[in-house]
Amino acid sequence: PSFVMSNSFTNQTLAQLELWQHSDKYENKVYVLPKHLDEMVAKLHLAKIGVELEQLNDKQAKYIGVPKNGPFKSDAYRY
């Protein structure tokens, strides 16, 4: 449960920072957390549980049609 709460709180904090730093990009509406922030939350937490992600190489990124450094899912993708 504490791991789930940590992920949730990190999502909320990064969302607030995004809104603060880029307020000109957002209207007064409800938004889904951008994928690059969602992936940042995952990366931050994976290190704490001993997981190390590998970097995609150019061939892999081209094959799956994503930028080499992410985000690795389209904005339309829902978990």
N, C-alpha and C. Protein backbone atom coordinates (compact mmCIF):
# COMPACT_ATOMS: atom_id res chain seq x y z
N PRO A 1 0.80 -1.22 0.00
CA PRO A 1 0.00 0.00 0.00
C PRO A 1 0.84 1.28 0.00
N SER A 2 1.95 1.30 0.74
CA SER A 2 2.75 2.52 0.77
C SER A 2 3.38 2.80 -0.59
N PHE A 3 3.71 1.73 -1.34
CA PHE A 3 4.28 1.92 -2.68
C PHE A 3 3.25 2.55 -3.62
N VAL A 4 2.02 2.09 -3.53
CA VAL A 4 0.94 2.66 -4.35
C VAL A 4 0.71 4.12 -3.98
N MET A 5 0.71 4.42 -2.70
CA MET A 5 0.53 5.80 -2.27
C MET A 5 1.68 6.68 -2.74
N SER A 6 2.89 6.17 -2.69
CA SER A 6 4.05 6.93 -3.15
C SER A 6 3.93 7.25 -4.64
N ASN A 7 3.49 6.27 -5.44
CA ASN A 7 3.29 6.52 -6.87
C ASN A 7 2.22 7.58 -7.09
N SER A 8 1.13 7.47 -6.36
CA SER A 8 0.04 8.43 -6.49
C SER A 8 0.48 9.84 -6.10
N PHE A 9 1.17 9.96 -4.99
CA PHE A 9 1.63 11.28 -4.54
C PHE A 9 2.66 11.87 -5.51
N THR A 10 3.52 11.02 -6.05
CA THR A 10 4.50 11.50 -7.03
C THR A 10 3.80 11.99 -8.29
N ASN A 11 2.79 11.26 -8.75
CA ASN A 11 2.00 11.71 -9.90
C ASN A 11 1.39 13.08 -9.63
N GLN A 12 0.80 13.24 -8.47
CA GLN A 12 0.16 14.51 -8.13
C GLN A 12 1.18 15.65 -8.06
N THR A 13 2.34 15.38 -7.48
CA THR A 13 3.36 16.41 -7.35
C THR A 13 3.91 16.83 -8.71
N LEU A 14 4.20 15.84 -9.56
CA LEU A 14 4.71 16.18 -10.89
C LEU A 14 3.66 16.91 -11.73
N ALA A 15 2.40 16.55 -11.56
CA ALA A 15 1.33 17.25 -12.27
C ALA A 15 1.25 18.70 -11.81
N GLN A 16 1.36 18.94 -10.52
CA GLN A 16 1.33 20.32 -10.01
C GLN A 16 2.53 21.12 -10.51
N LEU A 17 3.70 20.50 -10.53
CA LEU A 17 4.89 21.19 -11.06
C LEU A 17 4.72 21.52 -12.54
N GLU A 18 4.17 20.58 -13.29
CA GLU A 18 3.92 20.82 -14.72
C GLU A 18 2.98 22.01 -14.91
N LEU A 19 1.91 22.05 -14.15
CA LEU A 19 0.95 23.16 -14.26
C LEU A 19 1.59 24.49 -13.86
N TRP A 20 2.41 24.46 -12.84
CA TRP A 20 3.07 25.69 -12.36
C TRP A 20 4.08 26.20 -13.38
N GLN A 21 4.89 25.29 -13.90
CA GLN A 21 5.97 25.69 -14.79
C GLN A 21 5.50 25.99 -16.21
N HIS A 22 4.36 25.42 -16.61
CA HIS A 22 3.88 25.58 -17.98
C HIS A 22 2.41 26.01 -18.00
N SER A 23 2.06 26.92 -17.14
CA SER A 23 0.66 27.34 -17.02
C SER A 23 0.11 27.91 -18.32
N ASP A 24 0.98 28.44 -19.17
CA ASP A 24 0.53 29.01 -20.44
C ASP A 24 0.02 27.94 -21.41
N LYS A 25 0.37 26.68 -21.19
CA LYS A 25 -0.05 25.59 -22.07
C LYS A 25 -1.41 25.01 -21.70
N TYR A 26 -1.95 25.40 -20.54
CA TYR A 26 -3.15 24.74 -20.03
C TYR A 26 -4.28 25.72 -19.79
N GLU A 27 -5.48 25.32 -20.25
CA GLU A 27 -6.69 26.06 -19.92
C GLU A 27 -7.22 25.50 -18.59
N ASN A 28 -8.27 26.12 -18.09
CA ASN A 28 -8.87 25.67 -16.84
C ASN A 28 -9.79 24.47 -17.14
N LYS A 29 -9.15 23.30 -17.34
CA LYS A 29 -9.85 22.07 -17.69
C LYS A 29 -9.22 20.90 -16.95
N VAL A 30 -9.80 19.74 -17.12
CA VAL A 30 -9.24 18.51 -16.56
C VAL A 30 -8.36 17.86 -17.63
N TYR A 31 -7.16 17.44 -17.25
CA TYR A 31 -6.21 16.84 -18.18
C TYR A 31 -5.74 15.49 -17.66
N VAL A 32 -5.35 14.64 -18.59
CA VAL A 32 -4.68 13.39 -18.25
C VAL A 32 -3.19 13.71 -18.13
N LEU A 33 -2.53 13.11 -17.15
CA LEU A 33 -1.11 13.33 -16.95
C LEU A 33 -0.35 12.97 -18.24
N PRO A 34 0.48 13.88 -18.74
CA PRO A 34 1.25 13.58 -19.96
C PRO A 34 2.11 12.32 -19.76
N LYS A 35 2.24 11.55 -20.82
CA LYS A 35 2.97 10.28 -20.74
C LYS A 35 4.40 10.44 -20.24
N HIS A 36 5.08 11.53 -20.63
CA HIS A 36 6.47 11.68 -20.19
C HIS A 36 6.55 11.83 -18.67
N LEU A 37 5.53 12.43 -18.06
CA LEU A 37 5.53 12.54 -16.59
C LEU A 37 5.16 11.21 -15.95
N ASP A 38 4.23 10.50 -16.55
CA ASP A 38 3.85 9.18 -16.05
C ASP A 38 5.05 8.24 -16.06
N GLU A 39 5.82 8.31 -17.14
CA GLU A 39 7.00 7.46 -17.25
C GLU A 39 8.10 7.89 -16.28
N MET A 40 8.17 9.19 -15.99
CA MET A 40 9.14 9.67 -15.02
C MET A 40 8.83 9.12 -13.63
N VAL A 41 7.56 9.07 -13.27
CA VAL A 41 7.16 8.49 -11.98
C VAL A 41 7.61 7.03 -11.90
N ALA A 42 7.39 6.29 -12.97
CA ALA A 42 7.81 4.88 -12.99
C ALA A 42 9.32 4.76 -12.83
N LYS A 43 10.08 5.58 -13.56
CA LYS A 43 11.54 5.51 -13.47
C LYS A 43 12.03 5.85 -12.07
N LEU A 44 11.42 6.84 -11.45
CA LEU A 44 11.83 7.22 -10.09
C LEU A 44 11.60 6.09 -9.10
N HIS A 45 10.52 5.34 -9.28
CA HIS A 45 10.20 4.28 -8.34
C HIS A 45 10.92 2.97 -8.64
N LEU A 46 11.23 2.73 -9.89
CA LEU A 46 11.92 1.48 -10.23
C LEU A 46 13.28 1.40 -9.56
N ALA A 47 13.97 2.51 -9.49
CA ALA A 47 15.29 2.52 -8.85
C ALA A 47 15.20 2.09 -7.38
N LYS A 48 14.12 2.44 -6.73
CA LYS A 48 13.94 2.10 -5.31
C LYS A 48 13.67 0.62 -5.07
N ILE A 49 13.22 -0.08 -6.10
CA ILE A 49 12.97 -1.52 -5.95
C ILE A 49 14.03 -2.35 -6.68
N GLY A 50 15.13 -1.69 -7.05
CA GLY A 50 16.26 -2.40 -7.62
C GLY A 50 16.16 -2.75 -9.09
N VAL A 51 15.32 -2.05 -9.83
CA VAL A 51 15.17 -2.31 -11.26
C VAL A 51 15.93 -1.26 -12.04
N GLU A 52 16.68 -1.71 -13.04
CA GLU A 52 17.42 -0.78 -13.90
C GLU A 52 16.93 -0.98 -15.33
N LEU A 53 16.42 0.08 -15.94
CA LEU A 53 15.93 0.00 -17.31
C LEU A 53 17.08 0.18 -18.29
N GLU A 54 16.99 -0.53 -19.40
CA GLU A 54 17.95 -0.34 -20.47
C GLU A 54 17.45 0.76 -21.40
N GLN A 55 18.36 1.40 -22.08
CA GLN A 55 18.03 2.44 -23.05
C GLN A 55 17.74 1.78 -24.39
N LEU A 56 16.69 2.22 -25.08
CA LEU A 56 16.44 1.71 -26.43
C LEU A 56 17.57 2.16 -27.34
N ASN A 57 17.93 1.30 -28.29
CA ASN A 57 18.86 1.76 -29.31
C ASN A 57 18.05 2.33 -30.48
N ASP A 58 18.72 2.94 -31.44
CA ASP A 58 18.02 3.59 -32.55
C ASP A 58 17.14 2.62 -33.33
N LYS A 59 17.64 1.42 -33.57
CA LYS A 59 16.89 0.42 -34.33
C LYS A 59 15.61 0.01 -33.59
N GLN A 60 15.71 -0.21 -32.29
CA GLN A 60 14.54 -0.59 -31.50
C GLN A 60 13.49 0.52 -31.49
N ALA A 61 13.94 1.75 -31.27
CA ALA A 61 13.01 2.88 -31.23
C ALA A 61 12.29 3.04 -32.56
N LYS A 62 13.04 2.92 -33.64
CA LYS A 62 12.43 3.04 -34.97
C LYS A 62 11.42 1.92 -35.21
N TYR A 63 11.77 0.70 -34.80
CA TYR A 63 10.92 -0.46 -35.01
C TYR A 63 9.56 -0.30 -34.32
N ILE A 64 9.57 0.20 -33.08
CA ILE A 64 8.30 0.33 -32.35
C ILE A 64 7.68 1.72 -32.52
N GLY A 65 8.37 2.61 -33.24
CA GLY A 65 7.79 3.91 -33.60
C GLY A 65 7.67 4.89 -32.46
N VAL A 66 8.69 4.92 -31.59
CA VAL A 66 8.68 5.87 -30.47
C VAL A 66 10.02 6.60 -30.42
N PRO A 67 10.06 7.77 -29.78
CA PRO A 67 11.34 8.43 -29.59
C PRO A 67 12.25 7.57 -28.70
N LYS A 68 13.53 7.64 -28.95
CA LYS A 68 14.51 6.83 -28.21
C LYS A 68 14.43 7.05 -26.70
N ASN A 69 14.13 8.28 -26.29
CA ASN A 69 14.07 8.62 -24.86
C ASN A 69 12.65 8.71 -24.33
N GLY A 70 11.68 8.27 -25.12
CA GLY A 70 10.28 8.30 -24.68
C GLY A 70 9.61 9.61 -25.00
N PRO A 71 8.33 9.71 -24.73
CA PRO A 71 7.49 8.70 -24.08
C PRO A 71 7.30 7.48 -24.98
N PHE A 72 7.05 6.36 -24.34
CA PHE A 72 6.99 5.09 -25.04
C PHE A 72 5.57 4.65 -25.37
N LYS A 73 4.60 5.41 -24.96
CA LYS A 73 3.20 5.16 -25.30
C LYS A 73 2.60 6.46 -25.83
N SER A 74 1.64 6.34 -26.73
CA SER A 74 0.98 7.53 -27.26
C SER A 74 0.07 8.12 -26.18
N ASP A 75 -0.30 9.38 -26.35
CA ASP A 75 -1.20 10.01 -25.38
C ASP A 75 -2.56 9.34 -25.33
N ALA A 76 -2.94 8.65 -26.41
CA ALA A 76 -4.23 7.97 -26.45
C ALA A 76 -4.20 6.64 -25.69
N TYR A 77 -3.03 6.12 -25.39
CA TYR A 77 -2.90 4.83 -24.70
C TYR A 77 -3.38 4.95 -23.26
N ARG A 78 -4.20 3.99 -22.83
CA ARG A 78 -4.69 3.95 -21.45
C ARG A 78 -4.25 2.64 -20.82
N TYR A 79 -3.74 2.72 -19.60
CA TYR A 79 -3.23 1.54 -18.91
C TYR A 79 -4.37 0.73 -18.35
